[in-house]
Amino acid sequence: MPEYPEVEALRELLEARVSGKLVAKAGPAHLATLKTIDPPLDSLEGATLAAPLRRGKHLLFPVMADDLVLHVHQMSA
């Protein structure tokens, strides 16, 4: 499982790559990884992402002009 320095480095790397970008397609997601049905994953399609945030080992990708947040956790593989 990644530790703080790796997660922060990933957040910094993704900041320039995802900030202000449009989500073209969201999904399909495997049922074991998708933790919500409301709102549906495809509600991200067409949305613009803000700069990613980090909360512990969690990466958060807020959506501009909406209250949606894409939450990603780097689990061990």
N, C-alpha and C. Protein backbone atom coordinates (compact mmCIF):
# COMPACT_ATOMS: atom_id res chain seq x y z
N MET A 1 0.85 -1.17 0.00
CA MET A 1 0.00 0.00 0.00
C MET A 1 0.90 1.24 0.00
N PRO A 2 0.61 2.20 -0.84
CA PRO A 2 1.45 3.40 -0.89
C PRO A 2 1.35 4.20 0.40
N GLU A 3 2.43 4.85 0.74
CA GLU A 3 2.47 5.69 1.94
C GLU A 3 2.34 7.16 1.52
N TYR A 4 2.34 8.03 2.52
CA TYR A 4 2.10 9.46 2.29
C TYR A 4 2.95 10.06 1.16
N PRO A 5 4.28 9.87 1.14
CA PRO A 5 5.08 10.52 0.09
C PRO A 5 4.66 10.09 -1.32
N GLU A 6 4.35 8.81 -1.49
CA GLU A 6 3.94 8.32 -2.81
C GLU A 6 2.59 8.88 -3.23
N VAL A 7 1.66 8.96 -2.28
CA VAL A 7 0.33 9.49 -2.60
C VAL A 7 0.41 10.97 -2.92
N GLU A 8 1.20 11.71 -2.17
CA GLU A 8 1.36 13.15 -2.44
C GLU A 8 2.06 13.37 -3.78
N ALA A 9 3.06 12.56 -4.08
CA ALA A 9 3.74 12.68 -5.38
C ALA A 9 2.78 12.39 -6.52
N LEU A 10 1.93 11.40 -6.36
CA LEU A 10 0.93 11.09 -7.39
C LEU A 10 -0.06 12.23 -7.54
N ARG A 11 -0.50 12.82 -6.43
CA ARG A 11 -1.42 13.95 -6.49
C ARG A 11 -0.79 15.12 -7.25
N GLU A 12 0.47 15.41 -6.96
CA GLU A 12 1.16 16.49 -7.65
C GLU A 12 1.31 16.20 -9.14
N LEU A 13 1.61 14.97 -9.47
CA LEU A 13 1.75 14.57 -10.88
C LEU A 13 0.41 14.71 -11.62
N LEU A 14 -0.66 14.30 -10.97
CA LEU A 14 -1.97 14.34 -11.61
C LEU A 14 -2.55 15.75 -11.68
N GLU A 15 -2.11 16.64 -10.80
CA GLU A 15 -2.67 17.99 -10.76
C GLU A 15 -2.59 18.68 -12.13
N ALA A 16 -1.43 18.66 -12.74
CA ALA A 16 -1.26 19.32 -14.04
C ALA A 16 -1.98 18.55 -15.16
N ARG A 17 -2.19 17.26 -14.95
CA ARG A 17 -2.78 16.43 -16.01
C ARG A 17 -4.29 16.37 -15.98
N VAL A 18 -4.92 16.60 -14.83
CA VAL A 18 -6.38 16.47 -14.78
C VAL A 18 -7.11 17.78 -14.50
N SER A 19 -6.44 18.76 -13.91
CA SER A 19 -7.11 20.02 -13.58
C SER A 19 -7.66 20.68 -14.83
N GLY A 20 -8.94 20.97 -14.82
CA GLY A 20 -9.58 21.63 -15.94
C GLY A 20 -9.92 20.71 -17.11
N LYS A 21 -9.69 19.43 -16.95
CA LYS A 21 -9.97 18.47 -18.04
C LYS A 21 -11.41 17.99 -17.96
N LEU A 22 -11.96 17.70 -19.12
CA LEU A 22 -13.32 17.19 -19.24
C LEU A 22 -13.31 15.67 -19.15
N VAL A 23 -14.26 15.12 -18.43
CA VAL A 23 -14.40 13.66 -18.34
C VAL A 23 -15.19 13.20 -19.56
N ALA A 24 -14.53 12.49 -20.46
CA ALA A 24 -15.18 12.03 -21.69
C ALA A 24 -16.07 10.82 -21.41
N LYS A 25 -15.57 9.88 -20.63
CA LYS A 25 -16.33 8.66 -20.35
C LYS A 25 -15.98 8.19 -18.95
N ALA A 26 -16.99 7.79 -18.20
CA ALA A 26 -16.78 7.27 -16.85
C ALA A 26 -17.37 5.87 -16.78
N GLY A 27 -16.50 4.89 -16.71
CA GLY A 27 -16.97 3.51 -16.59
C GLY A 27 -16.57 2.72 -17.80
N PRO A 28 -16.90 1.47 -17.84
CA PRO A 28 -17.62 0.75 -16.78
C PRO A 28 -16.70 0.47 -15.61
N ALA A 29 -17.28 0.36 -14.43
CA ALA A 29 -16.53 0.05 -13.22
C ALA A 29 -16.93 -1.33 -12.73
N HIS A 30 -16.00 -2.03 -12.17
CA HIS A 30 -16.29 -3.33 -11.59
C HIS A 30 -17.11 -3.12 -10.32
N LEU A 31 -18.09 -3.94 -10.09
CA LEU A 31 -18.97 -3.81 -8.94
C LEU A 31 -18.20 -3.78 -7.62
N ALA A 32 -17.10 -4.52 -7.55
CA ALA A 32 -16.30 -4.56 -6.32
C ALA A 32 -15.60 -3.23 -6.04
N THR A 33 -15.41 -2.40 -7.05
CA THR A 33 -14.71 -1.14 -6.86
C THR A 33 -15.64 0.06 -6.79
N LEU A 34 -16.82 -0.06 -7.31
CA LEU A 34 -17.78 1.04 -7.31
C LEU A 34 -18.57 1.02 -6.01
N LYS A 35 -18.52 2.09 -5.25
CA LYS A 35 -19.15 2.11 -3.93
C LYS A 35 -20.39 2.99 -3.88
N THR A 36 -20.94 3.37 -5.01
CA THR A 36 -22.15 4.19 -5.00
C THR A 36 -23.01 3.85 -6.21
N ILE A 37 -24.30 4.00 -6.05
CA ILE A 37 -25.21 3.89 -7.19
C ILE A 37 -25.94 5.20 -7.41
N ASP A 38 -25.86 6.10 -6.41
CA ASP A 38 -26.52 7.39 -6.52
C ASP A 38 -25.56 8.45 -6.01
N PRO A 39 -25.01 9.28 -6.84
CA PRO A 39 -25.29 9.41 -8.27
C PRO A 39 -24.58 8.31 -9.06
N PRO A 40 -25.12 7.99 -10.23
CA PRO A 40 -24.47 6.98 -11.06
C PRO A 40 -23.12 7.48 -11.58
N LEU A 41 -22.23 6.53 -11.87
CA LEU A 41 -20.89 6.87 -12.34
C LEU A 41 -20.93 7.74 -13.60
N ASP A 42 -21.88 7.47 -14.49
CA ASP A 42 -21.92 8.24 -15.74
C ASP A 42 -22.33 9.70 -15.53
N SER A 43 -22.71 10.09 -14.31
CA SER A 43 -22.99 11.51 -14.06
C SER A 43 -21.72 12.36 -14.11
N LEU A 44 -20.56 11.70 -14.09
CA LEU A 44 -19.28 12.42 -14.25
C LEU A 44 -19.00 12.79 -15.70
N GLU A 45 -19.64 12.11 -16.64
CA GLU A 45 -19.36 12.36 -18.05
C GLU A 45 -19.75 13.78 -18.43
N GLY A 46 -18.82 14.47 -19.07
CA GLY A 46 -19.02 15.85 -19.47
C GLY A 46 -18.65 16.86 -18.40
N ALA A 47 -18.30 16.38 -17.21
CA ALA A 47 -17.93 17.28 -16.12
C ALA A 47 -16.46 17.68 -16.25
N THR A 48 -16.12 18.81 -15.65
CA THR A 48 -14.74 19.29 -15.64
C THR A 48 -14.16 19.08 -14.25
N LEU A 49 -12.98 18.49 -14.21
CA LEU A 49 -12.34 18.20 -12.93
C LEU A 49 -11.53 19.39 -12.43
N ALA A 50 -11.58 19.59 -11.12
CA ALA A 50 -10.74 20.60 -10.47
C ALA A 50 -9.43 19.93 -10.06
N ALA A 51 -8.56 20.67 -9.41
CA ALA A 51 -7.28 20.11 -8.96
C ALA A 51 -7.53 19.02 -7.93
N PRO A 52 -6.79 17.92 -8.02
CA PRO A 52 -6.98 16.83 -7.06
C PRO A 52 -6.51 17.22 -5.67
N LEU A 53 -7.16 16.63 -4.68
CA LEU A 53 -6.81 16.84 -3.28
C LEU A 53 -6.40 15.50 -2.69
N ARG A 54 -5.71 15.56 -1.56
CA ARG A 54 -5.34 14.33 -0.86
C ARG A 54 -5.83 14.41 0.57
N ARG A 55 -6.45 13.35 1.03
CA ARG A 55 -6.85 13.20 2.42
C ARG A 55 -6.26 11.87 2.88
N GLY A 56 -5.16 11.92 3.57
CA GLY A 56 -4.47 10.69 3.96
C GLY A 56 -4.02 9.97 2.70
N LYS A 57 -4.45 8.73 2.57
CA LYS A 57 -4.08 7.93 1.40
C LYS A 57 -5.16 7.95 0.33
N HIS A 58 -6.10 8.87 0.46
CA HIS A 58 -7.21 8.98 -0.48
C HIS A 58 -6.99 10.15 -1.42
N LEU A 59 -7.23 9.96 -2.71
CA LEU A 59 -7.19 11.04 -3.69
C LEU A 59 -8.62 11.44 -4.00
N LEU A 60 -8.86 12.75 -3.97
CA LEU A 60 -10.19 13.29 -4.24
C LEU A 60 -10.11 14.19 -5.47
N PHE A 61 -11.02 13.96 -6.41
CA PHE A 61 -11.07 14.75 -7.63
C PHE A 61 -12.39 15.49 -7.67
N PRO A 62 -12.43 16.73 -7.16
CA PRO A 62 -13.68 17.50 -7.18
C PRO A 62 -14.08 17.84 -8.61
N VAL A 63 -15.37 17.97 -8.81
CA VAL A 63 -15.92 18.35 -10.10
C VAL A 63 -16.27 19.83 -10.03
N MET A 64 -15.79 20.62 -10.99
CA MET A 64 -16.10 22.05 -11.02
C MET A 64 -17.59 22.24 -11.24
N ALA A 65 -18.14 23.25 -10.62
CA ALA A 65 -19.53 23.65 -10.80
C ALA A 65 -20.51 22.54 -10.42
N ASP A 66 -20.14 21.70 -9.47
CA ASP A 66 -21.03 20.64 -9.01
C ASP A 66 -20.54 20.20 -7.64
N ASP A 67 -21.35 19.42 -6.95
CA ASP A 67 -20.93 18.94 -5.64
C ASP A 67 -20.43 17.49 -5.69
N LEU A 68 -20.10 17.01 -6.87
CA LEU A 68 -19.57 15.66 -7.03
C LEU A 68 -18.08 15.62 -6.75
N VAL A 69 -17.62 14.52 -6.17
CA VAL A 69 -16.20 14.29 -5.93
C VAL A 69 -15.91 12.84 -6.28
N LEU A 70 -14.94 12.63 -7.14
CA LEU A 70 -14.48 11.28 -7.46
C LEU A 70 -13.43 10.90 -6.43
N HIS A 71 -13.67 9.81 -5.72
CA HIS A 71 -12.80 9.36 -4.62
C HIS A 71 -12.04 8.13 -5.08
N VAL A 72 -10.70 8.18 -4.97
CA VAL A 72 -9.85 7.06 -5.37
C VAL A 72 -8.96 6.69 -4.20
N HIS A 73 -8.91 5.41 -3.89
CA HIS A 73 -8.03 4.90 -2.85
C HIS A 73 -7.06 3.93 -3.48
N GLN A 74 -5.78 4.12 -3.24
CA GLN A 74 -4.74 3.26 -3.81
C GLN A 74 -4.59 2.01 -2.95
N MET A 75 -5.38 0.99 -3.22
CA MET A 75 -5.31 -0.25 -2.46
C MET A 75 -4.08 -1.05 -2.86
N SER A 76 -3.70 -1.95 -1.99
CA SER A 76 -2.59 -2.83 -2.34
C SER A 76 -3.04 -3.83 -3.38
N ALA A 77 -2.14 -4.22 -4.24
CA ALA A 77 -2.51 -5.14 -5.30
C ALA A 77 -1.83 -6.48 -5.09
